[in-house]
Amino acid sequence: MKKSRVCVSDHAVLRYLERVQGMDIERLRREIGARVDHAAALGACGIIISGFSYRIENNTVTTILRAHRCDSRIGPKRRGRVQE
């Protein structure tokens, strides 16, 4: 598919998912909120759940990223750490 001549805003994508695809966006908001509630109540700035990192700023989930996993076969990458 070739690139469109027009930009599509995040708001437009959200409304497309909601109105055209029929996704229940408010249900998704509640689901995300329920996942992070306990961590937010403890003052956490993020939490990793099922391989995804939920970032929290000012009591708002600002983004969700795939969590990075360390490969234990490679070993430590920090300077000054002694490898056992």
PDB file of N, CA and C in Angstrom:
ATOM      1  N   MET A   1       0.848  -1.165   0.000  1.00  0.00           N
ATOM      2  CA  MET A   1       0.000   0.000   0.000  1.00  0.00           C
ATOM      3  C   MET A   1       0.900   1.235   0.000  1.00  0.00           C
ATOM      4  N   LYS A   2       0.630   2.159  -0.915  1.00  0.00           N
ATOM      5  CA  LYS A   2       1.462   3.358  -0.966  1.00  0.00           C
ATOM      6  C   LYS A   2       1.041   4.365   0.094  1.00  0.00           C
ATOM      7  N   LYS A   3       1.969   5.249   0.422  1.00  0.00           N
ATOM      8  CA  LYS A   3       1.724   6.262   1.444  1.00  0.00           C
ATOM      9  C   LYS A   3       0.696   7.279   0.946  1.00  0.00           C
ATOM     10  N   SER A   4      -0.201   7.661   1.836  1.00  0.00           N
ATOM     11  CA  SER A   4      -1.235   8.634   1.513  1.00  0.00           C
ATOM     12  C   SER A   4      -0.651  10.036   1.420  1.00  0.00           C
ATOM     13  N   ARG A   5      -1.318  10.886   0.689  1.00  0.00           N
ATOM     14  CA  ARG A   5      -0.891  12.287   0.583  1.00  0.00           C
ATOM     15  C   ARG A   5      -1.265  13.087   1.819  1.00  0.00           C
ATOM     16  N   VAL A   6      -2.200  12.590   2.590  1.00  0.00           N
ATOM     17  CA  VAL A   6      -2.655  13.312   3.784  1.00  0.00           C
ATOM     18  C   VAL A   6      -2.156  12.611   5.041  1.00  0.00           C
ATOM     19  N   CYS A   7      -1.971  13.383   6.094  1.00  0.00           N
ATOM     20  CA  CYS A   7      -1.629  12.820   7.399  1.00  0.00           C
ATOM     21  C   CYS A   7      -2.918  12.400   8.088  1.00  0.00           C
ATOM     22  N   VAL A   8      -2.829  11.394   8.927  1.00  0.00           N
ATOM     23  CA  VAL A   8      -3.983  10.934   9.688  1.00  0.00           C
ATOM     24  C   VAL A   8      -3.632  11.100  11.168  1.00  0.00           C
ATOM     25  N   SER A   9      -4.421  11.875  11.873  1.00  0.00           N
ATOM     26  CA  SER A   9      -4.143  12.152  13.288  1.00  0.00           C
ATOM     27  C   SER A   9      -4.442  10.941  14.162  1.00  0.00           C
ATOM     28  N   ASP A  10      -3.854  10.932  15.352  1.00  0.00           N
ATOM     29  CA  ASP A  10      -4.150   9.875  16.325  1.00  0.00           C
ATOM     30  C   ASP A  10      -5.633   9.880  16.671  1.00  0.00           C
ATOM     31  N   HIS A  11      -6.224  11.067  16.758  1.00  0.00           N
ATOM     32  CA  HIS A  11      -7.652  11.182  17.061  1.00  0.00           C
ATOM     33  C   HIS A  11      -8.482  10.496  15.973  1.00  0.00           C
ATOM     34  N   ALA A  12      -8.112  10.702  14.716  1.00  0.00           N
ATOM     35  CA  ALA A  12      -8.839  10.068  13.617  1.00  0.00           C
ATOM     36  C   ALA A  12      -8.708   8.547  13.674  1.00  0.00           C
ATOM     37  N   VAL A  13      -7.520   8.064  13.990  1.00  0.00           N
ATOM     38  CA  VAL A  13      -7.311   6.617  14.107  1.00  0.00           C
ATOM     39  C   VAL A  13      -8.170   6.056  15.238  1.00  0.00           C
ATOM     40  N   LEU A  14      -8.188   6.768  16.364  1.00  0.00           N
ATOM     41  CA  LEU A  14      -9.004   6.341  17.496  1.00  0.00           C
ATOM     42  C   LEU A  14     -10.479   6.271  17.115  1.00  0.00           C
ATOM     43  N   ARG A  15     -10.982   7.303  16.452  1.00  0.00           N
ATOM     44  CA  ARG A  15     -12.395   7.317  16.046  1.00  0.00           C
ATOM     45  C   ARG A  15     -12.688   6.244  15.004  1.00  0.00           C
ATOM     46  N   TYR A  16     -11.734   5.954  14.116  1.00  0.00           N
ATOM     47  CA  TYR A  16     -11.898   4.888  13.136  1.00  0.00           C
ATOM     48  C   TYR A  16     -12.068   3.548  13.849  1.00  0.00           C
ATOM     49  N   LEU A  17     -11.179   3.293  14.820  1.00  0.00           N
ATOM     50  CA  LEU A  17     -11.276   2.045  15.570  1.00  0.00           C
ATOM     51  C   LEU A  17     -12.609   1.943  16.300  1.00  0.00           C
ATOM     52  N   GLU A  18     -13.039   3.064  16.843  1.00  0.00           N
ATOM     53  CA  GLU A  18     -14.277   3.095  17.615  1.00  0.00           C
ATOM     54  C   GLU A  18     -15.516   2.977  16.720  1.00  0.00           C
ATOM     55  N   ARG A  19     -15.587   3.788  15.686  1.00  0.00           N
ATOM     56  CA  ARG A  19     -16.825   3.897  14.896  1.00  0.00           C
ATOM     57  C   ARG A  19     -16.890   2.966  13.700  1.00  0.00           C
ATOM     58  N   VAL A  20     -15.771   2.732  13.035  1.00  0.00           N
ATOM     59  CA  VAL A  20     -15.774   1.881  11.854  1.00  0.00           C
ATOM     60  C   VAL A  20     -15.541   0.423  12.238  1.00  0.00           C
ATOM     61  N   GLN A  21     -14.536   0.194  13.078  1.00  0.00           N
ATOM     62  CA  GLN A  21     -14.215  -1.175  13.482  1.00  0.00           C
ATOM     63  C   GLN A  21     -15.076  -1.668  14.639  1.00  0.00           C
ATOM     64  N   GLY A  22     -15.760  -0.740  15.319  1.00  0.00           N
ATOM     65  CA  GLY A  22     -16.665  -1.137  16.390  1.00  0.00           C
ATOM     66  C   GLY A  22     -15.997  -1.471  17.714  1.00  0.00           C
ATOM     67  N   MET A  23     -14.767  -1.020  17.925  1.00  0.00           N
ATOM     68  CA  MET A  23     -14.078  -1.298  19.186  1.00  0.00           C
ATOM     69  C   MET A  23     -14.656  -0.428  20.298  1.00  0.00           C
ATOM     70  N   ASP A  24     -14.799  -1.011  21.462  1.00  0.00           N
ATOM     71  CA  ASP A  24     -15.295  -0.284  22.630  1.00  0.00           C
ATOM     72  C   ASP A  24     -14.101   0.353  23.334  1.00  0.00           C
ATOM     73  N   ILE A  25     -13.785   1.583  22.985  1.00  0.00           N
ATOM     74  CA  ILE A  25     -12.605   2.279  23.498  1.00  0.00           C
ATOM     75  C   ILE A  25     -12.707   2.492  25.009  1.00  0.00           C
ATOM     76  N   GLU A  26     -13.874   2.836  25.509  1.00  0.00           N
ATOM     77  CA  GLU A  26     -14.032   3.061  26.953  1.00  0.00           C
ATOM     78  C   GLU A  26     -13.806   1.783  27.745  1.00  0.00           C
ATOM     79  N   ARG A  27     -14.208   0.655  27.196  1.00  0.00           N
ATOM     80  CA  ARG A  27     -13.943  -0.632  27.853  1.00  0.00           C
ATOM     81  C   ARG A  27     -12.442  -0.879  27.910  1.00  0.00           C
ATOM     82  N   LEU A  28     -11.744  -0.557  26.816  1.00  0.00           N
ATOM     83  CA  LEU A  28     -10.295  -0.716  26.799  1.00  0.00           C
ATOM     84  C   LEU A  28      -9.634   0.197  27.829  1.00  0.00           C
ATOM     85  N   ARG A  29     -10.123   1.434  27.967  1.00  0.00           N
ATOM     86  CA  ARG A  29      -9.592   2.346  28.983  1.00  0.00           C
ATOM     87  C   ARG A  29      -9.761   1.761  30.383  1.00  0.00           C
ATOM     88  N   ARG A  30     -10.945   1.208  30.647  1.00  0.00           N
ATOM     89  CA  ARG A  30     -11.196   0.613  31.969  1.00  0.00           C
ATOM     90  C   ARG A  30     -10.297  -0.585  32.205  1.00  0.00           C
ATOM     91  N   GLU A  31     -10.090  -1.401  31.176  1.00  0.00           N
ATOM     92  CA  GLU A  31      -9.237  -2.585  31.293  1.00  0.00           C
ATOM     93  C   GLU A  31      -7.793  -2.186  31.593  1.00  0.00           C
ATOM     94  N   ILE A  32      -7.283  -1.203  30.872  1.00  0.00           N
ATOM     95  CA  ILE A  32      -5.919  -0.727  31.113  1.00  0.00           C
ATOM     96  C   ILE A  32      -5.817  -0.145  32.520  1.00  0.00           C
ATOM     97  N   GLY A  33      -6.787   0.675  32.901  1.00  0.00           N
ATOM     98  CA  GLY A  33      -6.795   1.272  34.238  1.00  0.00           C
ATOM     99  C   GLY A  33      -6.787   0.222  35.333  1.00  0.00           C
ATOM    100  N   ALA A  34      -7.594  -0.808  35.166  1.00  0.00           N
ATOM    101  CA  ALA A  34      -7.663  -1.878  36.166  1.00  0.00           C
ATOM    102  C   ALA A  34      -6.327  -2.612  36.283  1.00  0.00           C
ATOM    103  N   ARG A  35      -5.619  -2.759  35.172  1.00  0.00           N
ATOM    104  CA  ARG A  35      -4.326  -3.459  35.189  1.00  0.00           C
ATOM    105  C   ARG A  35      -3.281  -2.696  35.996  1.00  0.00           C
ATOM    106  N   VAL A  36      -3.319  -1.363  35.929  1.00  0.00           N
ATOM    107  CA  VAL A  36      -2.260  -0.568  36.551  1.00  0.00           C
ATOM    108  C   VAL A  36      -2.660   0.069  37.876  1.00  0.00           C
ATOM    109  N   ASP A  37      -3.911  -0.070  38.292  1.00  0.00           N
ATOM    110  CA  ASP A  37      -4.417   0.589  39.500  1.00  0.00           C
ATOM    111  C   ASP A  37      -3.546   0.362  40.730  1.00  0.00           C
ATOM    112  N   HIS A  38      -3.201  -0.878  41.011  1.00  0.00           N
ATOM    113  CA  HIS A  38      -2.445  -1.177  42.225  1.00  0.00           C
ATOM    114  C   HIS A  38      -1.078  -0.499  42.202  1.00  0.00           C
ATOM    115  N   ALA A  39      -0.389  -0.591  41.072  1.00  0.00           N
ATOM    116  CA  ALA A  39       0.937   0.030  40.957  1.00  0.00           C
ATOM    117  C   ALA A  39       0.834   1.547  41.093  1.00  0.00           C
ATOM    118  N   ALA A  40      -0.177   2.143  40.473  1.00  0.00           N
ATOM    119  CA  ALA A  40      -0.357   3.593  40.550  1.00  0.00           C
ATOM    120  C   ALA A  40      -0.656   4.019  41.982  1.00  0.00           C
ATOM    121  N   ALA A  41      -1.438   3.222  42.697  1.00  0.00           N
ATOM    122  CA  ALA A  41      -1.766   3.538  44.088  1.00  0.00           C
ATOM    123  C   ALA A  41      -0.522   3.534  44.969  1.00  0.00           C
ATOM    124  N   LEU A  42       0.472   2.746  44.587  1.00  0.00           N
ATOM    125  CA  LEU A  42       1.728   2.683  45.336  1.00  0.00           C
ATOM    126  C   LEU A  42       2.716   3.757  44.881  1.00  0.00           C
ATOM    127  N   GLY A  43       2.323   4.562  43.879  1.00  0.00           N
ATOM    128  CA  GLY A  43       3.178   5.645  43.396  1.00  0.00           C
ATOM    129  C   GLY A  43       4.157   5.241  42.311  1.00  0.00           C
ATOM    130  N   ALA A  44       3.939   4.095  41.686  1.00  0.00           N
ATOM    131  CA  ALA A  44       4.846   3.621  40.639  1.00  0.00           C
ATOM    132  C   ALA A  44       4.741   4.501  39.397  1.00  0.00           C
ATOM    133  N   CYS A  45       5.854   4.599  38.676  1.00  0.00           N
ATOM    134  CA  CYS A  45       5.844   5.342  37.416  1.00  0.00           C
ATOM    135  C   CYS A  45       5.712   4.386  36.236  1.00  0.00           C
ATOM    136  N   GLY A  46       5.588   3.119  36.520  1.00  0.00           N
ATOM    137  CA  GLY A  46       5.388   2.141  35.466  1.00  0.00           C
ATOM    138  C   GLY A  46       5.306   0.741  36.040  1.00  0.00           C
ATOM    139  N   ILE A  47       4.820  -0.181  35.205  1.00  0.00           N
ATOM    140  CA  ILE A  47       4.710  -1.571  35.612  1.00  0.00           C
ATOM    141  C   ILE A  47       4.788  -2.438  34.370  1.00  0.00           C
ATOM    142  N   ILE A  48       5.392  -3.603  34.508  1.00  0.00           N
ATOM    143  CA  ILE A  48       5.441  -4.556  33.401  1.00  0.00           C
ATOM    144  C   ILE A  48       4.432  -5.655  33.681  1.00  0.00           C
ATOM    145  N   ILE A  49       3.532  -5.866  32.725  1.00  0.00           N
ATOM    146  CA  ILE A  49       2.493  -6.888  32.835  1.00  0.00           C
ATOM    147  C   ILE A  49       2.470  -7.675  31.535  1.00  0.00           C
ATOM    148  N   SER A  50       2.641  -8.977  31.628  1.00  0.00           N
ATOM    149  CA  SER A  50       2.571  -9.880  30.474  1.00  0.00           C
ATOM    150  C   SER A  50       3.429  -9.410  29.302  1.00  0.00           C
ATOM    151  N   GLY A  51       4.640  -8.933  29.606  1.00  0.00           N
ATOM    152  CA  GLY A  51       5.564  -8.556  28.549  1.00  0.00           C
ATOM    153  C   GLY A  51       5.396  -7.154  27.999  1.00  0.00           C
ATOM    154  N   PHE A  52       4.525  -6.353  28.618  1.00  0.00           N
ATOM    155  CA  PHE A  52       4.332  -4.977  28.178  1.00  0.00           C
ATOM    156  C   PHE A  52       4.572  -4.024  29.336  1.00  0.00           C
ATOM    157  N   SER A  53       5.242  -2.919  29.039  1.00  0.00           N
ATOM    158  CA  SER A  53       5.562  -1.903  30.027  1.00  0.00           C
ATOM    159  C   SER A  53       4.539  -0.774  29.928  1.00  0.00           C
ATOM    160  N   TYR A  54       3.831  -0.544  31.021  1.00  0.00           N
ATOM    161  CA  TYR A  54       2.830   0.521  31.102  1.00  0.00           C
ATOM    162  C   TYR A  54       3.493   1.699  31.816  1.00  0.00           C
ATOM    163  N   ARG A  55       3.642   2.835  31.147  1.00  0.00           N
ATOM    164  CA  ARG A  55       4.251   4.018  31.742  1.00  0.00           C
ATOM    165  C   ARG A  55       3.170   4.897  32.339  1.00  0.00           C
ATOM    166  N   ILE A  56       3.407   5.371  33.575  1.00  0.00           N
ATOM    167  CA  ILE A  56       2.426   6.175  34.306  1.00  0.00           C
ATOM    168  C   ILE A  56       3.055   7.505  34.689  1.00  0.00           C
ATOM    169  N   GLU A  57       2.407   8.612  34.319  1.00  0.00           N
ATOM    170  CA  GLU A  57       2.850   9.956  34.696  1.00  0.00           C
ATOM    171  C   GLU A  57       1.637  10.740  35.174  1.00  0.00           C
ATOM    172  N   ASN A  58       1.752  11.355  36.350  1.00  0.00           N
ATOM    173  CA  ASN A  58       0.653  12.150  36.911  1.00  0.00           C
ATOM    174  C   ASN A  58      -0.664  11.372  36.923  1.00  0.00           C
ATOM    175  N   ASN A  59      -0.586  10.115  37.347  1.00  0.00           N
ATOM    176  CA  ASN A  59      -1.760   9.254  37.461  1.00  0.00           C
ATOM    177  C   ASN A  59      -2.445   8.993  36.114  1.00  0.00           C
ATOM    178  N   THR A  60      -1.672   9.053  35.022  1.00  0.00           N
ATOM    179  CA  THR A  60      -2.189   8.809  33.679  1.00  0.00           C
ATOM    180  C   THR A  60      -1.267   7.824  32.967  1.00  0.00           C
ATOM    181  N   VAL A  61      -1.843   6.798  32.358  1.00  0.00           N
ATOM    182  CA  VAL A  61      -1.039   5.885  31.541  1.00  0.00           C
ATOM    183  C   VAL A  61      -0.729   6.633  30.246  1.00  0.00           C
ATOM    184  N   THR A  62       0.563   6.897  30.021  1.00  0.00           N
ATOM    185  CA  THR A  62       0.955   7.711  28.869  1.00  0.00           C
ATOM    186  C   THR A  62       1.339   6.886  27.655  1.00  0.00           C
ATOM    187  N   THR A  63       1.810   5.671  27.874  1.00  0.00           N
ATOM    188  CA  THR A  63       2.151   4.809  26.742  1.00  0.00           C
ATOM    189  C   THR A  63       2.271   3.370  27.219  1.00  0.00           C
ATOM    190  N   ILE A  64       2.205   2.459  26.270  1.00  0.00           N
ATOM    191  CA  ILE A  64       2.389   1.033  26.540  1.00  0.00           C
ATOM    192  C   ILE A  64       3.370   0.524  25.492  1.00  0.00           C
ATOM    193  N   LEU A  65       4.466  -0.046  25.967  1.00  0.00           N
ATOM    194  CA  LEU A  65       5.528  -0.523  25.084  1.00  0.00           C
ATOM    195  C   LEU A  65       5.789  -1.999  25.329  1.00  0.00           C
ATOM    196  N   ARG A  66       6.306  -2.661  24.331  1.00  0.00           N
ATOM    197  CA  ARG A  66       6.747  -4.044  24.528  1.00  0.00           C
ATOM    198  C   ARG A  66       7.941  -3.985  25.474  1.00  0.00           C
ATOM    199  N   ALA A  67       7.908  -4.760  26.534  1.00  0.00           N
ATOM    200  CA  ALA A  67       8.977  -4.737  27.532  1.00  0.00           C
ATOM    201  C   ALA A  67      10.235  -5.363  26.957  1.00  0.00           C
ATOM    202  N   HIS A  68      11.376  -4.778  27.287  1.00  0.00           N
ATOM    203  CA  HIS A  68      12.652  -5.339  26.858  1.00  0.00           C
ATOM    204  C   HIS A  68      13.019  -6.489  27.787  1.00  0.00           C
ATOM    205  N   ARG A  69      13.547  -7.521  27.214  1.00  0.00           N
ATOM    206  CA  ARG A  69      13.978  -8.658  28.019  1.00  0.00           C
ATOM    207  C   ARG A  69      15.474  -8.835  27.839  1.00  0.00           C
ATOM    208  N   CYS A  70      16.144  -9.033  28.931  1.00  0.00           N
ATOM    209  CA  CYS A  70      17.583  -9.290  28.879  1.00  0.00           C
ATOM    210  C   CYS A  70      17.808 -10.735  28.462  1.00  0.00           C
ATOM    211  N   ASP A  71      18.781 -10.936  27.626  1.00  0.00           N
ATOM    212  CA  ASP A  71      19.151 -12.285  27.224  1.00  0.00           C
ATOM    213  C   ASP A  71      20.255 -12.750  28.157  1.00  0.00           C
ATOM    214  N   SER A  72      19.963 -13.700  29.027  1.00  0.00           N
ATOM    215  CA  SER A  72      20.913 -14.134  30.044  1.00  0.00           C
ATOM    216  C   SER A  72      22.168 -14.779  29.439  1.00  0.00           C
ATOM    217  N   ARG A  73      22.126 -15.174  28.177  1.00  0.00           N
ATOM    218  CA  ARG A  73      23.296 -15.786  27.542  1.00  0.00           C
ATOM    219  C   ARG A  73      24.356 -14.740  27.208  1.00  0.00           C
ATOM    220  N   ILE A  74      23.957 -13.481  27.093  1.00  0.00           N
ATOM    221  CA  ILE A  74      24.889 -12.430  26.698  1.00  0.00           C
ATOM    222  C   ILE A  74      25.700 -11.933  27.880  1.00  0.00           C
ATOM    223  N   GLY A  75      25.100 -11.850  29.050  1.00  0.00           N
ATOM    224  CA  GLY A  75      25.798 -11.378  30.237  1.00  0.00           C
ATOM    225  C   GLY A  75      25.561  -9.898  30.477  1.00  0.00           C
ATOM    226  N   PRO A  76      26.094  -9.372  31.584  1.00  0.00           N
ATOM    227  CA  PRO A  76      25.846  -7.981  31.948  1.00  0.00           C
ATOM    228  C   PRO A  76      26.503  -7.009  30.984  1.00  0.00           C
ATOM    229  N   LYS A  77      25.882  -5.844  30.789  1.00  0.00           N
ATOM    230  CA  LYS A  77      26.402  -4.852  29.872  1.00  0.00           C
ATOM    231  C   LYS A  77      26.907  -3.611  30.588  1.00  0.00           C
ATOM    232  N   ARG A  78      26.660  -3.483  31.882  1.00  0.00           N
ATOM    233  CA  ARG A  78      27.086  -2.297  32.616  1.00  0.00           C
ATOM    234  C   ARG A  78      28.579  -2.341  32.882  1.00  0.00           C
ATOM    235  N   ARG A  79      29.197  -1.189  32.821  1.00  0.00           N
ATOM    236  CA  ARG A  79      30.630  -1.105  33.126  1.00  0.00           C
ATOM    237  C   ARG A  79      30.838  -1.351  34.613  1.00  0.00           C
ATOM    238  N   GLY A  80      31.913  -1.991  34.916  1.00  0.00           N
ATOM    239  CA  GLY A  80      32.270  -2.176  36.310  1.00  0.00           C
ATOM    240  C   GLY A  80      31.637  -3.390  36.971  1.00  0.00           C
ATOM    241  N   ARG A  81      30.684  -4.030  36.305  1.00  0.00           N
ATOM    242  CA  ARG A  81      30.090  -5.223  36.897  1.00  0.00           C
ATOM    243  C   ARG A  81      30.996  -6.411  36.673  1.00  0.00           C
ATOM    244  N   VAL A  82      31.111  -7.208  37.683  1.00  0.00           N
ATOM    245  CA  VAL A  82      31.943  -8.400  37.599  1.00  0.00           C
ATOM    246  C   VAL A  82      31.074  -9.555  37.156  1.00  0.00           C
ATOM    247  N   GLN A  83      31.553 -10.243  36.142  1.00  0.00           N
ATOM    248  CA  GLN A  83      30.818 -11.396  35.646  1.00  0.00           C
ATOM    249  C   GLN A  83      31.183 -12.613  36.466  1.00  0.00           C
ATOM    250  N   GLU A  84      30.190 -13.323  36.943  1.00  0.00           N
ATOM    251  CA  GLU A  84      30.433 -14.493  37.798  1.00  0.00           C
ATOM    252  C   GLU A  84      30.537 -15.755  36.973  1.00  0.00           C
TER     253      GLU A  84
END
